[in-house]
N, C-alpha and C. Protein backbone atom coordinates (compact mmCIF):
# COMPACT_ATOMS: atom_id res chain seq x y z
N MET A 1 90.80 100.32 -73.95
CA MET A 1 90.93 101.73 -73.76
C MET A 1 92.28 101.71 -73.20
N GLN A 2 93.09 102.73 -73.58
CA GLN A 2 94.44 102.92 -72.81
C GLN A 2 94.18 103.30 -71.37
N LEU A 3 95.13 103.23 -70.48
CA LEU A 3 94.91 103.48 -69.20
C LEU A 3 95.28 105.21 -69.05
N GLU A 4 96.05 105.68 -69.99
CA GLU A 4 96.39 107.16 -69.69
C GLU A 4 94.93 107.72 -70.25
N THR A 5 94.23 107.61 -71.17
CA THR A 5 92.76 108.03 -71.64
C THR A 5 91.81 107.70 -70.72
N LEU A 6 92.03 106.54 -70.06
CA LEU A 6 90.72 106.48 -68.94
C LEU A 6 91.10 107.33 -67.91
N VAL A 7 92.51 107.19 -67.41
CA VAL A 7 92.77 108.41 -66.31
C VAL A 7 92.26 109.69 -66.61
N SER A 8 92.67 110.13 -67.74
CA SER A 8 92.34 111.50 -68.29
C SER A 8 90.70 111.66 -68.51
N GLN A 9 90.14 110.72 -68.61
CA GLN A 9 88.22 110.95 -68.40
C GLN A 9 88.06 111.10 -67.01
N PHE A 10 88.68 110.02 -66.08
CA PHE A 10 88.54 110.21 -64.51
C PHE A 10 88.76 111.35 -64.30
N GLN A 11 89.57 112.41 -64.55
CA GLN A 11 90.10 113.48 -63.89
C GLN A 11 89.21 114.41 -64.68
N ASN A 12 88.47 114.15 -65.95
CA ASN A 12 87.44 115.09 -66.28
C ASN A 12 86.07 114.68 -65.89
N LYS A 13 85.99 113.88 -64.62
CA LYS A 13 84.51 113.55 -64.09
C LYS A 13 84.09 112.48 -64.91
N ASN A 14 84.20 111.87 -65.59
CA ASN A 14 83.52 111.02 -66.35
C ASN A 14 83.24 109.79 -65.61
N GLU A 15 81.91 109.72 -65.27
CA GLU A 15 81.55 108.49 -64.52
C GLU A 15 81.71 106.94 -64.87
N LYS A 16 81.80 106.76 -66.30
CA LYS A 16 82.18 105.43 -66.87
C LYS A 16 83.60 105.24 -66.81
N ALA A 17 84.49 106.19 -66.64
CA ALA A 17 85.76 106.03 -66.38
C ALA A 17 86.04 105.69 -65.28
N PHE A 18 84.93 106.33 -64.19
CA PHE A 18 85.36 106.07 -62.63
C PHE A 18 84.74 104.25 -62.45
N GLU A 19 84.12 104.15 -63.08
CA GLU A 19 83.39 102.99 -62.88
C GLU A 19 84.39 101.94 -63.42
N THR A 20 84.93 102.04 -64.48
CA THR A 20 86.11 100.90 -65.06
C THR A 20 86.99 101.11 -64.11
N LEU A 21 87.94 102.24 -63.64
CA LEU A 21 89.17 102.08 -62.80
C LEU A 21 88.34 101.56 -61.77
N TYR A 22 87.16 101.56 -61.14
CA TYR A 22 86.80 101.05 -59.83
C TYR A 22 86.75 99.24 -59.72
N ASN A 23 86.60 99.16 -61.09
CA ASN A 23 86.49 97.66 -60.98
C ASN A 23 87.54 97.17 -61.69
N MET A 24 88.74 97.88 -61.88
CA MET A 24 90.09 97.44 -62.25
C MET A 24 90.71 97.24 -60.99
N TYR A 25 90.65 98.40 -59.95
CA TYR A 25 91.49 98.26 -58.67
C TYR A 25 90.85 98.06 -57.41
N SER A 26 89.33 98.16 -57.47
CA SER A 26 88.77 98.00 -56.00
C SER A 26 89.33 96.67 -55.23
N GLU A 27 89.34 95.55 -55.92
CA GLU A 27 89.82 94.17 -55.33
C GLU A 27 91.29 94.38 -54.60
N SER A 28 92.09 94.87 -55.70
CA SER A 28 93.87 95.16 -54.75
C SER A 28 93.32 96.33 -53.82
N MET A 29 92.75 97.13 -53.73
CA MET A 29 92.53 98.35 -53.01
C MET A 29 92.16 97.53 -51.62
N HIS A 30 90.92 96.76 -51.96
CA HIS A 30 90.54 96.24 -50.41
C HIS A 30 91.20 95.17 -49.85
N GLY A 31 92.14 94.60 -50.57
CA GLY A 31 92.97 93.69 -49.99
C GLY A 31 94.27 94.56 -49.32
N VAL A 32 95.01 95.33 -49.90
CA VAL A 32 95.53 96.52 -49.35
C VAL A 32 94.92 97.03 -47.52
N ILE A 33 93.90 97.70 -48.00
CA ILE A 33 93.10 98.02 -46.79
C ILE A 33 92.64 96.90 -45.79
N TYR A 34 92.40 95.83 -45.97
CA TYR A 34 91.91 94.83 -45.06
C TYR A 34 93.11 94.22 -44.50
N ASN A 35 94.45 94.32 -44.99
CA ASN A 35 95.74 94.24 -44.31
C ASN A 35 95.95 95.13 -43.14
N ILE A 36 95.34 96.16 -43.46
CA ILE A 36 95.65 97.00 -42.05
C ILE A 36 94.72 97.12 -41.07
N VAL A 37 93.42 97.22 -41.67
CA VAL A 37 92.22 97.10 -40.78
C VAL A 37 91.77 95.91 -40.01
N ARG A 38 91.88 95.09 -40.89
CA ARG A 38 91.65 93.39 -40.28
C ARG A 38 90.32 93.37 -40.27
N ASP A 39 89.39 93.80 -40.94
CA ASP A 39 88.07 93.90 -40.63
C ASP A 39 87.52 94.30 -42.29
N ASN A 40 86.58 93.01 -42.48
CA ASN A 40 86.13 93.10 -44.14
C ASN A 40 84.90 94.21 -44.27
N ASP A 41 84.28 94.41 -43.23
CA ASP A 41 83.33 95.15 -43.57
C ASP A 41 83.96 97.06 -43.29
N LEU A 42 84.85 96.82 -42.59
CA LEU A 42 85.48 98.33 -42.59
C LEU A 42 86.44 98.66 -43.57
N ALA A 43 86.96 97.54 -44.07
CA ALA A 43 88.11 97.62 -45.33
C ALA A 43 87.35 97.95 -46.72
N GLU A 44 85.67 97.60 -46.57
CA GLU A 44 85.03 97.90 -47.95
C GLU A 44 84.58 99.61 -47.78
N GLU A 45 84.00 99.78 -46.55
CA GLU A 45 83.79 101.16 -46.10
C GLU A 45 85.09 102.28 -46.60
N VAL A 46 86.21 101.72 -46.17
CA VAL A 46 87.34 102.64 -46.28
C VAL A 46 87.64 102.56 -47.95
N MET A 47 87.55 101.48 -48.70
CA MET A 47 87.61 101.71 -50.02
C MET A 47 86.96 102.32 -50.69
N GLN A 48 85.76 102.44 -50.40
CA GLN A 48 84.46 103.25 -50.92
C GLN A 48 85.09 104.66 -50.83
N ASP A 49 85.30 105.34 -49.60
CA ASP A 49 85.96 106.31 -49.29
C ASP A 49 87.14 106.70 -50.08
N VAL A 50 88.08 105.98 -50.39
CA VAL A 50 89.24 105.97 -50.98
C VAL A 50 88.57 106.27 -52.59
N PHE A 51 88.11 105.65 -53.01
CA PHE A 51 87.86 105.96 -54.38
C PHE A 51 87.07 107.42 -54.73
N ILE A 52 86.00 107.63 -53.63
CA ILE A 52 85.25 108.93 -53.49
C ILE A 52 86.26 110.10 -53.46
N LYS A 53 87.35 109.97 -52.59
CA LYS A 53 88.43 111.03 -52.70
C LYS A 53 89.35 110.90 -53.53
N ALA A 54 89.77 109.88 -54.39
CA ALA A 54 90.26 109.84 -55.78
C ALA A 54 89.62 110.68 -56.65
N TRP A 55 88.23 110.60 -56.67
CA TRP A 55 87.24 111.49 -57.35
C TRP A 55 87.48 113.05 -57.55
N HIS A 56 87.55 113.33 -56.07
CA HIS A 56 87.35 114.67 -55.61
C HIS A 56 88.84 115.33 -55.81
N LYS A 57 89.73 114.33 -55.86
CA LYS A 57 91.29 115.08 -55.87
C LYS A 57 91.83 114.65 -57.20
N SER A 58 91.36 114.05 -57.97
CA SER A 58 91.98 113.60 -59.25
C SER A 58 92.79 114.61 -60.13
N ASP A 59 92.51 116.07 -59.87
CA ASP A 59 93.16 116.72 -60.33
C ASP A 59 94.73 116.69 -59.61
N SER A 60 95.05 116.20 -58.74
CA SER A 60 96.38 116.08 -57.93
C SER A 60 97.29 114.71 -58.61
N TYR A 61 96.63 114.12 -59.46
CA TYR A 61 97.22 113.08 -60.04
C TYR A 61 98.15 113.51 -61.24
N SER A 62 99.47 113.11 -61.19
CA SER A 62 100.15 113.46 -62.41
C SER A 62 100.84 112.11 -62.76
N ALA A 63 100.72 111.97 -63.99
CA ALA A 63 101.59 110.81 -64.56
C ALA A 63 103.14 111.02 -64.53
N LYS A 64 103.67 112.29 -64.43
CA LYS A 64 104.77 112.53 -64.18
C LYS A 64 105.65 111.95 -63.05
N LYS A 65 104.66 112.23 -61.77
CA LYS A 65 105.13 111.71 -60.56
C LYS A 65 104.93 110.10 -60.45
N GLY A 66 104.44 109.32 -61.17
CA GLY A 66 104.06 107.99 -60.89
C GLY A 66 102.89 107.35 -61.59
N ARG A 67 102.66 106.35 -61.52
CA ARG A 67 101.58 105.31 -62.06
C ARG A 67 100.17 105.68 -61.49
N PHE A 68 99.14 105.56 -61.72
CA PHE A 68 97.80 106.10 -61.33
C PHE A 68 97.79 104.97 -60.22
N PHE A 69 98.00 103.56 -60.53
CA PHE A 69 98.00 102.60 -59.47
C PHE A 69 98.73 103.06 -57.88
N THR A 70 99.90 103.40 -58.22
CA THR A 70 100.88 103.75 -56.94
C THR A 70 99.84 104.85 -56.20
N TRP A 71 99.50 105.88 -56.90
CA TRP A 71 98.87 107.48 -56.47
C TRP A 71 97.39 106.86 -55.82
N ILE A 72 96.80 105.86 -56.16
CA ILE A 72 95.67 105.38 -55.46
C ILE A 72 95.88 104.48 -54.31
N LEU A 73 96.93 103.75 -54.54
CA LEU A 73 97.38 102.69 -53.57
C LEU A 73 97.83 103.80 -52.14
N ASN A 74 98.41 104.68 -52.36
CA ASN A 74 99.07 105.48 -51.46
C ASN A 74 97.77 105.98 -50.46
N ILE A 75 96.96 106.53 -51.45
CA ILE A 75 95.43 107.42 -50.77
C ILE A 75 94.86 106.06 -49.91
N ALA A 76 94.81 104.73 -50.35
CA ALA A 76 94.11 103.33 -49.68
C ALA A 76 95.02 103.55 -48.44
N ARG A 77 96.30 103.17 -48.58
CA ARG A 77 96.91 103.09 -47.15
C ARG A 77 96.77 103.96 -46.31
N ASN A 78 96.79 105.38 -46.86
CA ASN A 78 96.86 106.48 -45.94
C ASN A 78 95.42 106.51 -45.21
N ALA A 79 94.43 106.40 -45.94
CA ALA A 79 92.93 106.00 -45.58
C ALA A 79 93.10 104.75 -44.42
N ALA A 80 93.53 103.77 -44.83
CA ALA A 80 93.60 102.84 -43.66
C ALA A 80 94.29 102.72 -42.27
N ILE A 81 95.17 103.60 -42.59
CA ILE A 81 96.25 103.96 -41.59
C ILE A 81 95.57 105.21 -40.49
N ASP A 82 94.82 106.18 -41.25
CA ASP A 82 94.14 107.08 -40.56
C ASP A 82 92.80 106.51 -39.83
N LYS A 83 92.01 105.45 -40.47
CA LYS A 83 91.03 104.54 -39.95
C LYS A 83 91.64 103.98 -38.43
N THR A 84 92.68 103.37 -38.63
CA THR A 84 93.34 102.70 -37.19
C THR A 84 93.56 103.76 -36.28
N ARG A 85 93.88 104.61 -36.67
CA ARG A 85 94.07 105.60 -35.59
C ARG A 85 93.24 106.52 -35.06
N SER A 86 92.30 106.41 -35.83
CA SER A 86 90.66 106.79 -35.27
C SER A 86 90.09 106.29 -33.66
N LYS A 87 89.66 107.40 -32.89
CA LYS A 87 89.07 106.81 -31.76
C LYS A 87 87.99 105.47 -31.91
N THR A 88 87.28 105.85 -32.80
CA THR A 88 86.03 104.85 -33.19
C THR A 88 86.78 103.46 -33.64
N PHE A 89 87.75 103.41 -34.24
CA PHE A 89 88.50 102.39 -34.67
C PHE A 89 89.03 101.52 -33.45
N LYS A 90 89.93 102.55 -32.28
CA LYS A 90 90.49 102.11 -31.22
C LYS A 90 89.41 101.55 -30.46
N ASN A 91 88.35 102.08 -30.08
CA ASN A 91 87.22 101.78 -29.30
C ASN A 91 86.50 100.30 -29.72
N SER A 92 86.53 100.27 -30.80
CA SER A 92 85.92 99.02 -31.45
C SER A 92 86.75 97.62 -31.33
N LYS A 93 88.03 98.07 -31.16
CA LYS A 93 88.97 96.70 -30.81
C LYS A 93 89.30 96.70 -29.65
N LYS A 94 88.90 97.60 -28.49
CA LYS A 94 89.13 97.17 -27.12
C LYS A 94 88.72 95.88 -26.55
N ASN A 95 87.68 95.14 -27.01
CA ASN A 95 87.19 94.10 -26.49
C ASN A 95 87.34 92.82 -27.47
N LEU A 96 88.55 92.84 -28.46
CA LEU A 96 89.06 91.71 -29.22
C LEU A 96 89.87 91.24 -28.47
N GLN A 97 89.81 89.74 -28.30
CA GLN A 97 90.97 88.82 -27.54
C GLN A 97 92.17 88.51 -27.99
N ALA A 98 93.30 88.33 -27.61
CA ALA A 98 94.43 88.02 -28.01
C ALA A 98 94.48 87.62 -29.36
N ASP A 99 93.57 86.27 -29.33
CA ASP A 99 93.74 85.59 -30.58
C ASP A 99 93.70 86.21 -31.82
N PHE A 100 93.01 87.55 -31.79
CA PHE A 100 93.25 88.18 -33.00
C PHE A 100 94.62 88.69 -33.69
N PHE A 101 95.29 88.92 -32.63
CA PHE A 101 96.58 89.35 -33.00
C PHE A 101 97.64 88.37 -32.99
N VAL A 102 97.73 87.11 -32.63
CA VAL A 102 98.47 86.31 -32.67
C VAL A 102 98.66 85.94 -34.01
N ASP A 103 100.22 85.85 -34.36
CA ASP A 103 100.65 85.18 -35.49
C ASP A 103 100.58 86.07 -36.62
N ILE A 104 100.17 87.48 -36.61
CA ILE A 104 100.08 88.12 -37.65
C ILE A 104 101.11 88.59 -38.57
N LEU A 105 102.34 88.36 -37.55
CA LEU A 105 103.70 88.77 -38.59
C LEU A 105 104.41 87.30 -39.22
N GLU A 106 104.26 86.61 -38.21
CA GLU A 106 105.11 85.20 -38.39
C GLU A 106 104.27 84.37 -39.56
N ASN A 107 102.84 84.83 -39.58
CA ASN A 107 102.00 83.97 -40.61
C ASN A 107 102.39 84.50 -42.04
N ASN A 108 102.84 83.63 -43.05
CA ASN A 108 102.55 84.01 -44.41
C ASN A 108 101.15 84.50 -44.99
N GLU A 109 100.39 84.16 -44.37
CA GLU A 109 99.05 84.45 -44.99
C GLU A 109 98.95 85.81 -44.20
N SER A 110 99.60 86.12 -43.83
CA SER A 110 99.23 87.89 -43.42
C SER A 110 99.08 88.90 -44.79
N LEU A 111 99.45 88.38 -45.79
CA LEU A 111 99.08 89.24 -47.03
C LEU A 111 98.40 88.07 -47.65
N ASN A 112 97.17 88.58 -47.51
CA ASN A 112 96.27 87.58 -48.05
C ASN A 112 96.04 87.61 -49.69
N GLU A 113 94.88 86.65 -50.26
CA GLU A 113 95.00 86.50 -51.66
C GLU A 113 94.60 87.77 -52.32
N GLN A 114 93.89 88.73 -51.61
CA GLN A 114 93.52 89.70 -52.28
C GLN A 114 94.73 90.86 -52.67
N THR A 115 95.46 90.59 -51.52
CA THR A 115 96.24 91.63 -51.49
C THR A 115 97.51 91.12 -52.71
N ASN A 116 97.81 89.92 -52.95
CA ASN A 116 98.54 89.17 -53.89
C ASN A 116 97.71 89.59 -55.38
N ALA A 117 96.73 89.66 -55.44
CA ALA A 117 96.02 89.91 -56.44
C ALA A 117 96.76 91.32 -57.04
N ILE A 118 97.25 92.26 -57.02
CA ILE A 118 97.91 93.23 -57.27
C ILE A 118 99.65 92.72 -57.82
N GLY A 119 99.71 91.62 -57.57
CA GLY A 119 101.13 91.23 -57.54
C GLY A 119 102.24 91.71 -56.86
N ILE A 120 102.22 92.41 -55.95
CA ILE A 120 103.37 93.19 -55.06
C ILE A 120 104.03 91.85 -54.51
N LYS A 121 103.12 90.90 -53.99
CA LYS A 121 103.98 90.09 -52.92
C LYS A 121 105.03 89.34 -53.56
N GLY A 122 104.77 88.89 -55.19
CA GLY A 122 105.73 88.24 -55.61
C GLY A 122 107.15 88.90 -55.79
N PHE A 123 107.06 90.43 -55.99
CA PHE A 123 107.90 91.19 -56.18
C PHE A 123 108.64 91.30 -54.51
N VAL A 124 107.98 91.30 -53.51
CA VAL A 124 108.34 91.81 -52.08
C VAL A 124 109.16 90.49 -51.87
N ASP A 125 108.68 89.37 -51.97
CA ASP A 125 109.30 88.09 -51.71
C ASP A 125 110.78 87.87 -52.45
N LYS A 126 110.83 88.63 -53.49
CA LYS A 126 112.35 88.50 -54.09
C LYS A 126 113.12 89.47 -53.31
N LEU A 127 112.56 90.02 -52.54
CA LEU A 127 113.63 90.93 -51.76
C LEU A 127 114.43 90.21 -50.38
N ALA A 128 115.79 91.06 -49.92
CA ALA A 128 115.99 89.87 -48.82
C ALA A 128 115.07 90.02 -47.72
N LYS A 129 115.45 89.30 -46.84
CA LYS A 129 114.38 89.38 -45.57
C LYS A 129 114.26 90.42 -44.49
N LYS A 130 115.03 91.05 -44.48
CA LYS A 130 115.36 92.32 -43.57
C LYS A 130 114.38 93.59 -44.66
N CYS A 131 114.26 93.57 -45.97
CA CYS A 131 113.26 94.18 -46.52
C CYS A 131 112.20 93.90 -46.49
N ILE A 132 111.76 92.63 -46.60
CA ILE A 132 110.42 91.88 -46.63
C ILE A 132 109.78 92.34 -45.01
N GLU A 133 110.65 92.22 -44.08
CA GLU A 133 109.93 92.39 -42.80
C GLU A 133 109.63 93.98 -42.63
N VAL A 134 110.35 94.74 -43.10
CA VAL A 134 110.03 96.48 -43.13
C VAL A 134 108.96 96.98 -44.09
N ILE A 135 108.72 95.82 -45.27
CA ILE A 135 107.68 96.59 -46.13
C ILE A 135 106.50 95.92 -45.60
N GLU A 136 106.50 94.56 -45.03
CA GLU A 136 105.45 93.96 -44.57
C GLU A 136 104.71 95.03 -43.53
N LEU A 137 105.68 95.53 -42.40
CA LEU A 137 105.07 96.32 -41.48
C LEU A 137 104.53 97.71 -41.81
N LEU A 138 105.39 98.41 -42.88
CA LEU A 138 105.10 99.68 -43.01
C LEU A 138 104.00 99.94 -43.99
N TYR A 139 104.12 98.99 -45.01
CA TYR A 139 102.97 99.20 -46.14
C TYR A 139 101.96 98.25 -46.13
N PHE A 140 101.95 97.30 -45.90
CA PHE A 140 100.81 96.06 -45.61
C PHE A 140 100.07 96.09 -44.23
N LYS A 141 100.89 96.43 -43.29
CA LYS A 141 100.33 96.54 -41.90
C LYS A 141 99.95 97.63 -41.48
N GLY A 142 100.56 98.54 -42.18
CA GLY A 142 99.94 99.92 -41.52
C GLY A 142 100.92 100.39 -40.17
N TYR A 143 101.95 100.25 -40.17
CA TYR A 143 102.73 100.41 -38.96
C TYR A 143 103.57 101.83 -39.17
N THR A 144 103.33 102.54 -38.23
CA THR A 144 104.66 103.93 -38.38
C THR A 144 105.74 103.59 -38.02
N GLN A 145 106.71 104.21 -38.68
CA GLN A 145 108.01 103.74 -38.80
C GLN A 145 108.41 103.86 -37.14
N LYS A 146 108.02 104.47 -36.52
CA LYS A 146 108.47 104.45 -34.80
C LYS A 146 107.97 102.77 -34.49
N GLU A 147 106.91 102.50 -34.92
CA GLU A 147 105.98 101.13 -34.55
C GLU A 147 107.12 100.13 -35.02
N ALA A 148 107.51 100.14 -36.27
CA ALA A 148 108.16 99.08 -36.98
C ALA A 148 109.37 99.14 -36.11
N SER A 149 110.23 100.20 -35.81
CA SER A 149 111.35 100.37 -34.95
C SER A 149 111.32 99.50 -33.64
N GLU A 150 110.25 99.47 -32.96
CA GLU A 150 110.03 99.00 -31.56
C GLU A 150 109.70 97.71 -32.09
N THR A 151 108.80 97.19 -33.09
CA THR A 151 108.65 95.64 -33.28
C THR A 151 109.83 94.98 -33.60
N LEU A 152 110.45 95.59 -34.49
CA LEU A 152 111.99 94.89 -35.30
C LEU A 152 113.03 94.85 -33.98
N GLU A 153 112.68 95.97 -33.53
CA GLU A 153 113.90 96.33 -32.19
C GLU A 153 115.21 96.70 -32.88
N MET A 154 114.76 97.87 -33.84
CA MET A 154 116.17 98.28 -34.40
C MET A 154 115.72 100.05 -34.61
N PRO A 155 116.90 100.84 -34.48
CA PRO A 155 116.83 102.30 -34.49
C PRO A 155 115.98 102.55 -35.52
N ILE A 156 115.29 103.69 -35.43
CA ILE A 156 114.54 104.18 -36.29
C ILE A 156 115.16 104.85 -37.73
N GLY A 157 116.37 104.86 -37.50
CA GLY A 157 117.18 105.56 -38.54
C GLY A 157 117.26 104.34 -39.69
N THR A 158 117.70 103.28 -39.01
CA THR A 158 117.82 102.15 -39.84
C THR A 158 116.59 101.89 -40.48
N ILE A 159 115.37 101.72 -39.95
CA ILE A 159 113.97 101.65 -40.48
C ILE A 159 114.04 102.13 -41.79
N LYS A 160 114.40 104.03 -41.67
CA LYS A 160 114.13 104.64 -42.64
C LYS A 160 114.93 104.38 -43.48
N THR A 161 116.26 103.93 -43.35
CA THR A 161 117.34 103.79 -44.40
C THR A 161 117.16 102.53 -45.22
N ARG A 162 116.16 101.40 -44.46
CA ARG A 162 115.95 99.94 -45.28
C ARG A 162 114.83 100.54 -45.92
N ASN A 163 113.84 101.17 -45.47
CA ASN A 163 112.55 101.39 -46.13
C ASN A 163 113.07 101.95 -47.53
N ARG A 164 113.90 103.28 -47.29
CA ARG A 164 114.25 103.43 -48.87
C ARG A 164 114.82 102.82 -49.61
N ASN A 165 116.14 102.43 -49.14
CA ASN A 165 116.74 101.00 -50.10
C ASN A 165 116.02 100.08 -50.52
N CYS A 166 114.85 99.66 -49.85
CA CYS A 166 114.02 98.52 -50.35
C CYS A 166 113.21 98.83 -51.49
N ILE A 167 112.65 99.89 -51.30
CA ILE A 167 111.73 101.04 -51.93
C ILE A 167 112.46 100.79 -53.40
N ASN A 168 113.72 101.53 -53.33
CA ASN A 168 114.36 101.67 -54.53
C ASN A 168 114.55 100.19 -55.14
N GLU A 169 114.96 99.39 -54.48
CA GLU A 169 115.20 97.74 -55.12
C GLU A 169 113.88 97.59 -55.91
N LEU A 170 112.42 97.70 -55.15
CA LEU A 170 111.44 97.18 -55.83
C LEU A 170 110.91 98.05 -57.19
N ARG A 171 111.60 99.73 -57.11
CA ARG A 171 111.24 100.21 -58.25
C ARG A 171 112.23 99.70 -59.24
N ILE A 172 113.35 99.45 -58.98
CA ILE A 172 114.15 98.80 -60.24
C ILE A 172 113.50 97.42 -60.54
N MET A 173 113.16 96.48 -59.67
CA MET A 173 112.40 95.47 -60.36
C MET A 173 111.36 95.73 -60.96
N LEU A 174 110.53 96.74 -60.65
CA LEU A 174 109.55 97.07 -61.71
C LEU A 174 109.52 98.04 -62.72
N ASP A 175 110.92 98.65 -62.60
CA ASP A 175 111.35 99.43 -63.79
C ASP A 175 110.30 100.60 -63.41
N VAL A 176 110.12 101.39 -62.30
CA VAL A 176 109.56 102.52 -62.00
C VAL A 176 110.41 103.66 -61.76
N LYS A 177 110.23 104.81 -62.51
CA LYS A 177 111.06 105.72 -62.22
C LYS A 177 110.54 106.53 -61.12
């Protein structure tokens, strides 16, 4: 079945279309969410919420604005970031040892195999090092632009410009308008 038809059925609240799209994208969404929340059970919970939210907001998706995958990826990323900013999440992380945070940026494994399943890591790796740093922080780790600015010790304007330019490079690679 073509993706356009499947998405159209999804928007018309067809449960079989929901199930098919869930099976197509759940592993990828879980990987992206996990890289932000760093907790498997929590990532699973957020992923479930993402698909329910997509179901309820399906009428807001427009193929003219981008691919369905990108639309649901943005929902997943935003939901994961919202979760990390919640009081409950912050309280649950207070007792973690420093070891949890060591080597997250330096370690190439920070983009785990589930995230790589969506194929984005291969494209990101083709970008310049300065782009990889910014994209990993903003999109895979859920940093705000301000947090990325502080972490990379560069002005926020530079982060914004690099983000925009690097995303445009990815769009060109992926031939996405």
